Amino acid sequence: MTHIKKVSMMRNSNNILKQKLLRLANLHIICRWTKRLILAVVVVTLGVAVVNSGIGIFLAFVIGFLLLRFLIRLAFRLLIMLVYVVLIVLIISLIIL
């Protein structure tokens, strides 16, 4: 195989790769917009459900519970981080002494 043929084949493979990447980029854009559309439909559906029935109080309790759970997890993570910092300071002070 001559050098010119090799170069030609490499260029063709690069063009094919670029075409495949463009298809993947388009697919990624389609997936992203589909997710946004699904999220918008879910939000609108929940809004209609809250307006048309007494589900608002239930949703408020669920959101409050999830928020409280998140805050408790955050507090425990901060507490564990502080314990680690204190332990590291103690270890460093023992090494220095």
PDB file of N, CA and C in Angstrom:
ATOM      1  N   MET A   1       0.846  -1.169   0.000  1.00  0.00           N
ATOM      2  CA  MET A   1       0.000   0.000   0.000  1.00  0.00           C
ATOM      3  C   MET A   1       0.897   1.240   0.000  1.00  0.00           C
ATOM      4  N   THR A   2       0.580   2.159  -0.844  1.00  0.00           N
ATOM      5  CA  THR A   2       1.407   3.351  -0.966  1.00  0.00           C
ATOM      6  C   THR A   2       1.072   4.339   0.138  1.00  0.00           C
ATOM      7  N   HIS A   3       1.972   5.287   0.292  1.00  0.00           N
ATOM      8  CA  HIS A   3       1.792   6.308   1.321  1.00  0.00           C
ATOM      9  C   HIS A   3       0.544   7.150   1.039  1.00  0.00           C
ATOM     10  N   ILE A   4       0.301   7.455  -0.210  1.00  0.00           N
ATOM     11  CA  ILE A   4      -0.859   8.284  -0.577  1.00  0.00           C
ATOM     12  C   ILE A   4      -2.160   7.564  -0.215  1.00  0.00           C
ATOM     13  N   LYS A   5      -2.195   6.250  -0.449  1.00  0.00           N
ATOM     14  CA  LYS A   5      -3.397   5.483  -0.104  1.00  0.00           C
ATOM     15  C   LYS A   5      -3.615   5.476   1.407  1.00  0.00           C
ATOM     16  N   LYS A   6      -2.521   5.331   2.171  1.00  0.00           N
ATOM     17  CA  LYS A   6      -2.636   5.330   3.631  1.00  0.00           C
ATOM     18  C   LYS A   6      -3.183   6.665   4.132  1.00  0.00           C
ATOM     19  N   VAL A   7      -2.641   7.748   3.588  1.00  0.00           N
ATOM     20  CA  VAL A   7      -3.107   9.076   3.994  1.00  0.00           C
ATOM     21  C   VAL A   7      -4.572   9.255   3.635  1.00  0.00           C
ATOM     22  N   SER A   8      -4.952   8.788   2.469  1.00  0.00           N
ATOM     23  CA  SER A   8      -6.345   8.888   2.039  1.00  0.00           C
ATOM     24  C   SER A   8      -7.257   8.096   2.969  1.00  0.00           C
ATOM     25  N   MET A   9      -6.828   6.891   3.357  1.00  0.00           N
ATOM     26  CA  MET A   9      -7.636   6.078   4.264  1.00  0.00           C
ATOM     27  C   MET A   9      -7.749   6.737   5.636  1.00  0.00           C
ATOM     28  N   MET A  10      -6.652   7.352   6.103  1.00  0.00           N
ATOM     29  CA  MET A  10      -6.693   8.019   7.404  1.00  0.00           C
ATOM     30  C   MET A  10      -7.650   9.203   7.359  1.00  0.00           C
ATOM     31  N   ARG A  11      -7.645   9.950   6.269  1.00  0.00           N
ATOM     32  CA  ARG A  11      -8.569  11.083   6.142  1.00  0.00           C
ATOM     33  C   ARG A  11     -10.012  10.602   6.126  1.00  0.00           C
ATOM     34  N   ASN A  12     -10.272   9.525   5.399  1.00  0.00           N
ATOM     35  CA  ASN A  12     -11.630   8.981   5.363  1.00  0.00           C
ATOM     36  C   ASN A  12     -12.084   8.537   6.749  1.00  0.00           C
ATOM     37  N   SER A  13     -11.195   7.891   7.499  1.00  0.00           N
ATOM     38  CA  SER A  13     -11.575   7.439   8.841  1.00  0.00           C
ATOM     39  C   SER A  13     -11.822   8.633   9.756  1.00  0.00           C
ATOM     40  N   ASN A  14     -11.038   9.706   9.584  1.00  0.00           N
ATOM     41  CA  ASN A  14     -11.273  10.912  10.384  1.00  0.00           C
ATOM     42  C   ASN A  14     -12.626  11.524  10.053  1.00  0.00           C
ATOM     43  N   ASN A  15     -12.978  11.558   8.769  1.00  0.00           N
ATOM     44  CA  ASN A  15     -14.281  12.108   8.380  1.00  0.00           C
ATOM     45  C   ASN A  15     -15.422  11.262   8.931  1.00  0.00           C
ATOM     46  N   ILE A  16     -15.272   9.947   8.876  1.00  0.00           N
ATOM     47  CA  ILE A  16     -16.313   9.064   9.417  1.00  0.00           C
ATOM     48  C   ILE A  16     -16.459   9.283  10.920  1.00  0.00           C
ATOM     49  N   LEU A  17     -15.328   9.432  11.620  1.00  0.00           N
ATOM     50  CA  LEU A  17     -15.368   9.665  13.061  1.00  0.00           C
ATOM     51  C   LEU A  17     -16.065  10.986  13.373  1.00  0.00           C
ATOM     52  N   LYS A  18     -15.763  12.038  12.611  1.00  0.00           N
ATOM     53  CA  LYS A  18     -16.418  13.329  12.826  1.00  0.00           C
ATOM     54  C   LYS A  18     -17.923  13.222  12.605  1.00  0.00           C
ATOM     55  N   GLN A  19     -18.331  12.479  11.589  1.00  0.00           N
ATOM     56  CA  GLN A  19     -19.763  12.310  11.334  1.00  0.00           C
ATOM     57  C   GLN A  19     -20.438  11.580  12.487  1.00  0.00           C
ATOM     58  N   LYS A  20     -19.785  10.559  13.032  1.00  0.00           N
ATOM     59  CA  LYS A  20     -20.361   9.831  14.164  1.00  0.00           C
ATOM     60  C   LYS A  20     -20.457  10.725  15.391  1.00  0.00           C
ATOM     61  N   LEU A  21     -19.416  11.544  15.621  1.00  0.00           N
ATOM     62  CA  LEU A  21     -19.450  12.442  16.772  1.00  0.00           C
ATOM     63  C   LEU A  21     -20.569  13.461  16.633  1.00  0.00           C
ATOM     64  N   LEU A  22     -20.816  13.953  15.424  1.00  0.00           N
ATOM     65  CA  LEU A  22     -21.921  14.887  15.221  1.00  0.00           C
ATOM     66  C   LEU A  22     -23.251  14.222  15.545  1.00  0.00           C
ATOM     67  N   ARG A  23     -23.409  12.968  15.144  1.00  0.00           N
ATOM     68  CA  ARG A  23     -24.649  12.256  15.458  1.00  0.00           C
ATOM     69  C   ARG A  23     -24.815  12.103  16.963  1.00  0.00           C
ATOM     70  N   LEU A  24     -23.719  11.790  17.664  1.00  0.00           N
ATOM     71  CA  LEU A  24     -23.795  11.644  19.116  1.00  0.00           C
ATOM     72  C   LEU A  24     -24.120  12.973  19.787  1.00  0.00           C
ATOM     73  N   ALA A  25     -23.560  14.072  19.280  1.00  0.00           N
ATOM     74  CA  ALA A  25     -23.857  15.384  19.845  1.00  0.00           C
ATOM     75  C   ALA A  25     -25.332  15.716  19.654  1.00  0.00           C
ATOM     76  N   ASN A  26     -25.869  15.417  18.477  1.00  0.00           N
ATOM     77  CA  ASN A  26     -27.293  15.665  18.246  1.00  0.00           C
ATOM     78  C   ASN A  26     -28.147  14.811  19.170  1.00  0.00           C
ATOM     79  N   LEU A  27     -27.749  13.572  19.376  1.00  0.00           N
ATOM     80  CA  LEU A  27     -28.485  12.691  20.279  1.00  0.00           C
ATOM     81  C   LEU A  27     -28.445  13.229  21.705  1.00  0.00           C
ATOM     82  N   HIS A  28     -27.292  13.754  22.112  1.00  0.00           N
ATOM     83  CA  HIS A  28     -27.165  14.324  23.451  1.00  0.00           C
ATOM     84  C   HIS A  28     -28.099  15.522  23.620  1.00  0.00           C
ATOM     85  N   ILE A  29     -28.161  16.373  22.600  1.00  0.00           N
ATOM     86  CA  ILE A  29     -29.049  17.540  22.662  1.00  0.00           C
ATOM     87  C   ILE A  29     -30.502  17.094  22.747  1.00  0.00           C
ATOM     88  N   ILE A  30     -30.869  16.087  21.965  1.00  0.00           N
ATOM     89  CA  ILE A  30     -32.246  15.583  21.990  1.00  0.00           C
ATOM     90  C   ILE A  30     -32.578  15.015  23.365  1.00  0.00           C
ATOM     91  N   CYS A  31     -31.657  14.254  23.951  1.00  0.00           N
ATOM     92  CA  CYS A  31     -31.896  13.677  25.281  1.00  0.00           C
ATOM     93  C   CYS A  31     -32.051  14.770  26.329  1.00  0.00           C
ATOM     94  N   ARG A  32     -31.220  15.806  26.243  1.00  0.00           N
ATOM     95  CA  ARG A  32     -31.298  16.888  27.223  1.00  0.00           C
ATOM     96  C   ARG A  32     -32.631  17.609  27.129  1.00  0.00           C
ATOM     97  N   TRP A  33     -33.091  17.909  25.914  1.00  0.00           N
ATOM     98  CA  TRP A  33     -34.370  18.603  25.759  1.00  0.00           C
ATOM     99  C   TRP A  33     -35.537  17.705  26.142  1.00  0.00           C
ATOM    100  N   THR A  34     -35.401  16.404  25.917  1.00  0.00           N
ATOM    101  CA  THR A  34     -36.452  15.474  26.337  1.00  0.00           C
ATOM    102  C   THR A  34     -36.575  15.462  27.851  1.00  0.00           C
ATOM    103  N   LYS A  35     -35.441  15.442  28.548  1.00  0.00           N
ATOM    104  CA  LYS A  35     -35.481  15.480  30.014  1.00  0.00           C
ATOM    105  C   LYS A  35     -36.116  16.775  30.503  1.00  0.00           C
ATOM    106  N   ARG A  36     -35.778  17.895  29.884  1.00  0.00           N
ATOM    107  CA  ARG A  36     -36.373  19.175  30.283  1.00  0.00           C
ATOM    108  C   ARG A  36     -37.875  19.175  30.053  1.00  0.00           C
ATOM    109  N   LEU A  37     -38.300  18.623  28.926  1.00  0.00           N
ATOM    110  CA  LEU A  37     -39.727  18.568  28.619  1.00  0.00           C
ATOM    111  C   LEU A  37     -40.467  17.681  29.615  1.00  0.00           C
ATOM    112  N   ILE A  38     -39.886  16.540  29.952  1.00  0.00           N
ATOM    113  CA  ILE A  38     -40.511  15.648  30.936  1.00  0.00           C
ATOM    114  C   ILE A  38     -40.608  16.342  32.290  1.00  0.00           C
ATOM    115  N   LEU A  39     -39.560  17.045  32.700  1.00  0.00           N
ATOM    116  CA  LEU A  39     -39.586  17.765  33.969  1.00  0.00           C
ATOM    117  C   LEU A  39     -40.663  18.842  33.967  1.00  0.00           C
ATOM    118  N   ALA A  40     -40.795  19.564  32.860  1.00  0.00           N
ATOM    119  CA  ALA A  40     -41.829  20.594  32.768  1.00  0.00           C
ATOM    120  C   ALA A  40     -43.223  19.979  32.866  1.00  0.00           C
ATOM    121  N   VAL A  41     -43.439  18.851  32.209  1.00  0.00           N
ATOM    122  CA  VAL A  41     -44.746  18.184  32.266  1.00  0.00           C
ATOM    123  C   VAL A  41     -45.047  17.720  33.687  1.00  0.00           C
ATOM    124  N   VAL A  42     -44.046  17.182  34.378  1.00  0.00           N
ATOM    125  CA  VAL A  42     -44.257  16.734  35.759  1.00  0.00           C
ATOM    126  C   VAL A  42     -44.598  17.910  36.660  1.00  0.00           C
ATOM    127  N   VAL A  43     -43.897  19.028  36.500  1.00  0.00           N
ATOM    128  CA  VAL A  43     -44.172  20.209  37.327  1.00  0.00           C
ATOM    129  C   VAL A  43     -45.574  20.737  37.063  1.00  0.00           C
ATOM    130  N   VAL A  44     -45.968  20.818  35.798  1.00  0.00           N
ATOM    131  CA  VAL A  44     -47.315  21.299  35.464  1.00  0.00           C
ATOM    132  C   VAL A  44     -48.368  20.347  36.017  1.00  0.00           C
ATOM    133  N   THR A  45     -48.140  19.055  35.908  1.00  0.00           N
ATOM    134  CA  THR A  45     -49.090  18.071  36.428  1.00  0.00           C
ATOM    135  C   THR A  45     -49.241  18.197  37.937  1.00  0.00           C
ATOM    136  N   LEU A  46     -48.121  18.351  38.644  1.00  0.00           N
ATOM    137  CA  LEU A  46     -48.201  18.536  40.091  1.00  0.00           C
ATOM    138  C   LEU A  46     -48.912  19.833  40.443  1.00  0.00           C
ATOM    139  N   GLY A  47     -48.655  20.882  39.673  1.00  0.00           N
ATOM    140  CA  GLY A  47     -49.349  22.150  39.918  1.00  0.00           C
ATOM    141  C   GLY A  47     -50.849  22.018  39.757  1.00  0.00           C
ATOM    142  N   VAL A  48     -51.280  21.340  38.713  1.00  0.00           N
ATOM    143  CA  VAL A  48     -52.715  21.128  38.493  1.00  0.00           C
ATOM    144  C   VAL A  48     -53.304  20.273  39.611  1.00  0.00           C
ATOM    145  N   ALA A  49     -52.574  19.261  40.056  1.00  0.00           N
ATOM    146  CA  ALA A  49     -53.064  18.400  41.136  1.00  0.00           C
ATOM    147  C   ALA A  49     -53.217  19.183  42.433  1.00  0.00           C
ATOM    148  N   VAL A  50     -52.280  20.081  42.715  1.00  0.00           N
ATOM    149  CA  VAL A  50     -52.361  20.888  43.937  1.00  0.00           C
ATOM    150  C   VAL A  50     -53.541  21.840  43.868  1.00  0.00           C
ATOM    151  N   VAL A  51     -53.760  22.445  42.716  1.00  0.00           N
ATOM    152  CA  VAL A  51     -54.855  23.410  42.578  1.00  0.00           C
ATOM    153  C   VAL A  51     -56.210  22.714  42.633  1.00  0.00           C
ATOM    154  N   ASN A  52     -56.348  21.562  42.011  1.00  0.00           N
ATOM    155  CA  ASN A  52     -57.654  20.923  41.879  1.00  0.00           C
ATOM    156  C   ASN A  52     -58.044  20.041  43.053  1.00  0.00           C
ATOM    157  N   SER A  53     -57.132  19.705  43.933  1.00  0.00           N
ATOM    158  CA  SER A  53     -57.501  18.829  45.046  1.00  0.00           C
ATOM    159  C   SER A  53     -56.784  19.268  46.311  1.00  0.00           C
ATOM    160  N   GLY A  54     -57.042  18.557  47.374  1.00  0.00           N
ATOM    161  CA  GLY A  54     -56.423  18.902  48.649  1.00  0.00           C
ATOM    162  C   GLY A  54     -55.091  18.229  48.854  1.00  0.00           C
ATOM    163  N   ILE A  55     -54.366  18.026  47.790  1.00  0.00           N
ATOM    164  CA  ILE A  55     -53.085  17.331  47.897  1.00  0.00           C
ATOM    165  C   ILE A  55     -51.966  18.289  48.321  1.00  0.00           C
ATOM    166  N   GLY A  56     -52.249  19.581  48.357  1.00  0.00           N
ATOM    167  CA  GLY A  56     -51.230  20.571  48.695  1.00  0.00           C
ATOM    168  C   GLY A  56     -50.642  20.370  50.075  1.00  0.00           C
ATOM    169  N   ILE A  57     -51.488  20.048  51.052  1.00  0.00           N
ATOM    170  CA  ILE A  57     -51.001  19.842  52.416  1.00  0.00           C
ATOM    171  C   ILE A  57     -50.089  18.619  52.462  1.00  0.00           C
ATOM    172  N   PHE A  58     -50.494  17.569  51.776  1.00  0.00           N
ATOM    173  CA  PHE A  58     -49.671  16.356  51.726  1.00  0.00           C
ATOM    174  C   PHE A  58     -48.311  16.653  51.104  1.00  0.00           C
ATOM    175  N   LEU A  59     -48.306  17.396  49.981  1.00  0.00           N
ATOM    176  CA  LEU A  59     -47.031  17.741  49.342  1.00  0.00           C
ATOM    177  C   LEU A  59     -46.172  18.614  50.249  1.00  0.00           C
ATOM    178  N   ALA A  60     -46.816  19.519  50.996  1.00  0.00           N
ATOM    179  CA  ALA A  60     -46.061  20.362  51.925  1.00  0.00           C
ATOM    180  C   ALA A  60     -45.397  19.510  53.006  1.00  0.00           C
ATOM    181  N   PHE A  61     -46.120  18.506  53.520  1.00  0.00           N
ATOM    182  CA  PHE A  61     -45.532  17.617  54.519  1.00  0.00           C
ATOM    183  C   PHE A  61     -44.370  16.818  53.936  1.00  0.00           C
ATOM    184  N   VAL A  62     -44.538  16.320  52.722  1.00  0.00           N
ATOM    185  CA  VAL A  62     -43.472  15.531  52.088  1.00  0.00           C
ATOM    186  C   VAL A  62     -42.238  16.390  51.859  1.00  0.00           C
ATOM    187  N   ILE A  63     -42.429  17.586  51.341  1.00  0.00           N
ATOM    188  CA  ILE A  63     -41.291  18.477  51.084  1.00  0.00           C
ATOM    189  C   ILE A  63     -40.628  18.880  52.390  1.00  0.00           C
ATOM    190  N   GLY A  64     -41.431  19.158  53.411  1.00  0.00           N
ATOM    191  CA  GLY A  64     -40.872  19.492  54.723  1.00  0.00           C
ATOM    192  C   GLY A  64     -40.049  18.348  55.296  1.00  0.00           C
ATOM    193  N   PHE A  65     -40.569  17.128  55.167  1.00  0.00           N
ATOM    194  CA  PHE A  65     -39.831  15.956  55.655  1.00  0.00           C
ATOM    195  C   PHE A  65     -38.509  15.794  54.917  1.00  0.00           C
ATOM    196  N   LEU A  66     -38.546  15.935  53.586  1.00  0.00           N
ATOM    197  CA  LEU A  66     -37.312  15.794  52.806  1.00  0.00           C
ATOM    198  C   LEU A  66     -36.306  16.884  53.158  1.00  0.00           C
ATOM    199  N   LEU A  67     -36.786  18.103  53.372  1.00  0.00           N
ATOM    200  CA  LEU A  67     -35.901  19.204  53.747  1.00  0.00           C
ATOM    201  C   LEU A  67     -35.288  18.956  55.121  1.00  0.00           C
ATOM    202  N   LEU A  68     -36.100  18.495  56.061  1.00  0.00           N
ATOM    203  CA  LEU A  68     -35.598  18.196  57.400  1.00  0.00           C
ATOM    204  C   LEU A  68     -34.556  17.079  57.353  1.00  0.00           C
ATOM    205  N   ARG A  69     -34.821  16.050  56.567  1.00  0.00           N
ATOM    206  CA  ARG A  69     -33.870  14.946  56.427  1.00  0.00           C
ATOM    207  C   ARG A  69     -32.552  15.435  55.831  1.00  0.00           C
ATOM    208  N   PHE A  70     -32.651  16.327  54.834  1.00  0.00           N
ATOM    209  CA  PHE A  70     -31.449  16.887  54.216  1.00  0.00           C
ATOM    210  C   PHE A  70     -30.640  17.691  55.232  1.00  0.00           C
ATOM    211  N   LEU A  71     -31.328  18.498  56.042  1.00  0.00           N
ATOM    212  CA  LEU A  71     -30.623  19.322  57.027  1.00  0.00           C
ATOM    213  C   LEU A  71     -29.967  18.461  58.106  1.00  0.00           C
ATOM    214  N   ILE A  72     -30.635  17.383  58.517  1.00  0.00           N
ATOM    215  CA  ILE A  72     -30.038  16.493  59.514  1.00  0.00           C
ATOM    216  C   ILE A  72     -28.794  15.818  58.945  1.00  0.00           C
ATOM    217  N   ARG A  73     -28.867  15.362  57.703  1.00  0.00           N
ATOM    218  CA  ARG A  73     -27.684  14.749  57.073  1.00  0.00           C
ATOM    219  C   ARG A  73     -26.542  15.751  56.973  1.00  0.00           C
ATOM    220  N   LEU A  74     -26.866  16.985  56.616  1.00  0.00           N
ATOM    221  CA  LEU A  74     -25.843  18.022  56.503  1.00  0.00           C
ATOM    222  C   LEU A  74     -25.199  18.288  57.858  1.00  0.00           C
ATOM    223  N   ALA A  75     -26.011  18.339  58.918  1.00  0.00           N
ATOM    224  CA  ALA A  75     -25.468  18.576  60.258  1.00  0.00           C
ATOM    225  C   ALA A  75     -24.534  17.439  60.668  1.00  0.00           C
ATOM    226  N   PHE A  76     -24.922  16.193  60.400  1.00  0.00           N
ATOM    227  CA  PHE A  76     -24.047  15.072  60.743  1.00  0.00           C
ATOM    228  C   PHE A  76     -22.749  15.115  59.947  1.00  0.00           C
ATOM    229  N   ARG A  77     -22.820  15.494  58.685  1.00  0.00           N
ATOM    230  CA  ARG A  77     -21.592  15.589  57.885  1.00  0.00           C
ATOM    231  C   ARG A  77     -20.666  16.664  58.437  1.00  0.00           C
ATOM    232  N   LEU A  78     -21.242  17.804  58.834  1.00  0.00           N
ATOM    233  CA  LEU A  78     -20.421  18.869  59.418  1.00  0.00           C
ATOM    234  C   LEU A  78     -19.805  18.416  60.733  1.00  0.00           C
ATOM    235  N   LEU A  79     -20.579  17.693  61.546  1.00  0.00           N
ATOM    236  CA  LEU A  79     -20.069  17.189  62.816  1.00  0.00           C
ATOM    237  C   LEU A  79     -18.917  16.212  62.591  1.00  0.00           C
ATOM    238  N   ILE A  80     -19.069  15.317  61.644  1.00  0.00           N
ATOM    239  CA  ILE A  80     -18.003  14.358  61.335  1.00  0.00           C
ATOM    240  C   ILE A  80     -16.770  15.083  60.812  1.00  0.00           C
ATOM    241  N   MET A  81     -16.974  16.118  59.993  1.00  0.00           N
ATOM    242  CA  MET A  81     -15.844  16.882  59.482  1.00  0.00           C
ATOM    243  C   MET A  81     -15.105  17.572  60.628  1.00  0.00           C
ATOM    244  N   LEU A  82     -15.843  18.134  61.585  1.00  0.00           N
ATOM    245  CA  LEU A  82     -15.199  18.786  62.726  1.00  0.00           C
ATOM    246  C   LEU A  82     -14.408  17.778  63.562  1.00  0.00           C
ATOM    247  N   VAL A  83     -14.952  16.578  63.745  1.00  0.00           N
ATOM    248  CA  VAL A  83     -14.226  15.544  64.490  1.00  0.00           C
ATOM    249  C   VAL A  83     -12.931  15.187  63.762  1.00  0.00           C
ATOM    250  N   TYR A  84     -12.987  15.059  62.447  1.00  0.00           N
ATOM    251  CA  TYR A  84     -11.774  14.766  61.679  1.00  0.00           C
ATOM    252  C   TYR A  84     -10.741  15.882  61.821  1.00  0.00           C
ATOM    253  N   VAL A  85     -11.196  17.118  61.783  1.00  0.00           N
ATOM    254  CA  VAL A  85     -10.267  18.246  61.910  1.00  0.00           C
ATOM    255  C   VAL A  85      -9.611  18.224  63.283  1.00  0.00           C
ATOM    256  N   VAL A  86     -10.398  17.974  64.332  1.00  0.00           N
ATOM    257  CA  VAL A  86      -9.833  17.915  65.686  1.00  0.00           C
ATOM    258  C   VAL A  86      -8.826  16.772  65.792  1.00  0.00           C
ATOM    259  N   LEU A  87      -9.152  15.620  65.226  1.00  0.00           N
ATOM    260  CA  LEU A  87      -8.216  14.494  65.270  1.00  0.00           C
ATOM    261  C   LEU A  87      -6.924  14.802  64.521  1.00  0.00           C
ATOM    262  N   ILE A  88      -7.038  15.446  63.375  1.00  0.00           N
ATOM    263  CA  ILE A  88      -5.838  15.805  62.607  1.00  0.00           C
ATOM    264  C   ILE A  88      -4.983  16.792  63.386  1.00  0.00           C
ATOM    265  N   VAL A  89      -5.621  17.781  64.032  1.00  0.00           N
ATOM    266  CA  VAL A  89      -4.866  18.757  64.830  1.00  0.00           C
ATOM    267  C   VAL A  89      -4.175  18.055  65.996  1.00  0.00           C
ATOM    268  N   LEU A  90      -4.862  17.122  66.655  1.00  0.00           N
ATOM    269  CA  LEU A  90      -4.240  16.383  67.761  1.00  0.00           C
ATOM    270  C   LEU A  90      -3.057  15.547  67.280  1.00  0.00           C
ATOM    271  N   ILE A  91      -3.210  14.886  66.152  1.00  0.00           N
ATOM    272  CA  ILE A  91      -2.112  14.068  65.623  1.00  0.00           C
ATOM    273  C   ILE A  91      -0.921  14.942  65.260  1.00  0.00           C
ATOM    274  N   ILE A  92      -1.179  16.075  64.637  1.00  0.00           N
ATOM    275  CA  ILE A  92      -0.080  16.981  64.263  1.00  0.00           C
ATOM    276  C   ILE A  92       0.600  17.533  65.507  1.00  0.00           C
ATOM    277  N   SER A  93      -0.189  17.873  66.530  1.00  0.00           N
ATOM    278  CA  SER A  93       0.415  18.399  67.760  1.00  0.00           C
ATOM    279  C   SER A  93       1.249  17.326  68.463  1.00  0.00           C
ATOM    280  N   LEU A  94       0.814  16.064  68.427  1.00  0.00           N
ATOM    281  CA  LEU A  94       1.615  14.991  69.020  1.00  0.00           C
ATOM    282  C   LEU A  94       2.909  14.772  68.246  1.00  0.00           C
ATOM    283  N   ILE A  95       2.851  14.914  66.929  1.00  0.00           N
ATOM    284  CA  ILE A  95       4.063  14.756  66.119  1.00  0.00           C
ATOM    285  C   ILE A  95       5.049  15.880  66.407  1.00  0.00           C
ATOM    286  N   ILE A  96       4.534  17.094  66.560  1.00  0.00           N
ATOM    287  CA  ILE A  96       5.412  18.244  66.810  1.00  0.00           C
ATOM    288  C   ILE A  96       6.054  18.141  68.191  1.00  0.00           C
ATOM    289  N   LEU A  97       5.279  17.693  69.181  1.00  0.00           N
ATOM    290  CA  LEU A  97       5.836  17.575  70.534  1.00  0.00           C
ATOM    291  C   LEU A  97       6.798  16.415  70.567  1.00  0.00           C
TER     292      LEU A  97
END
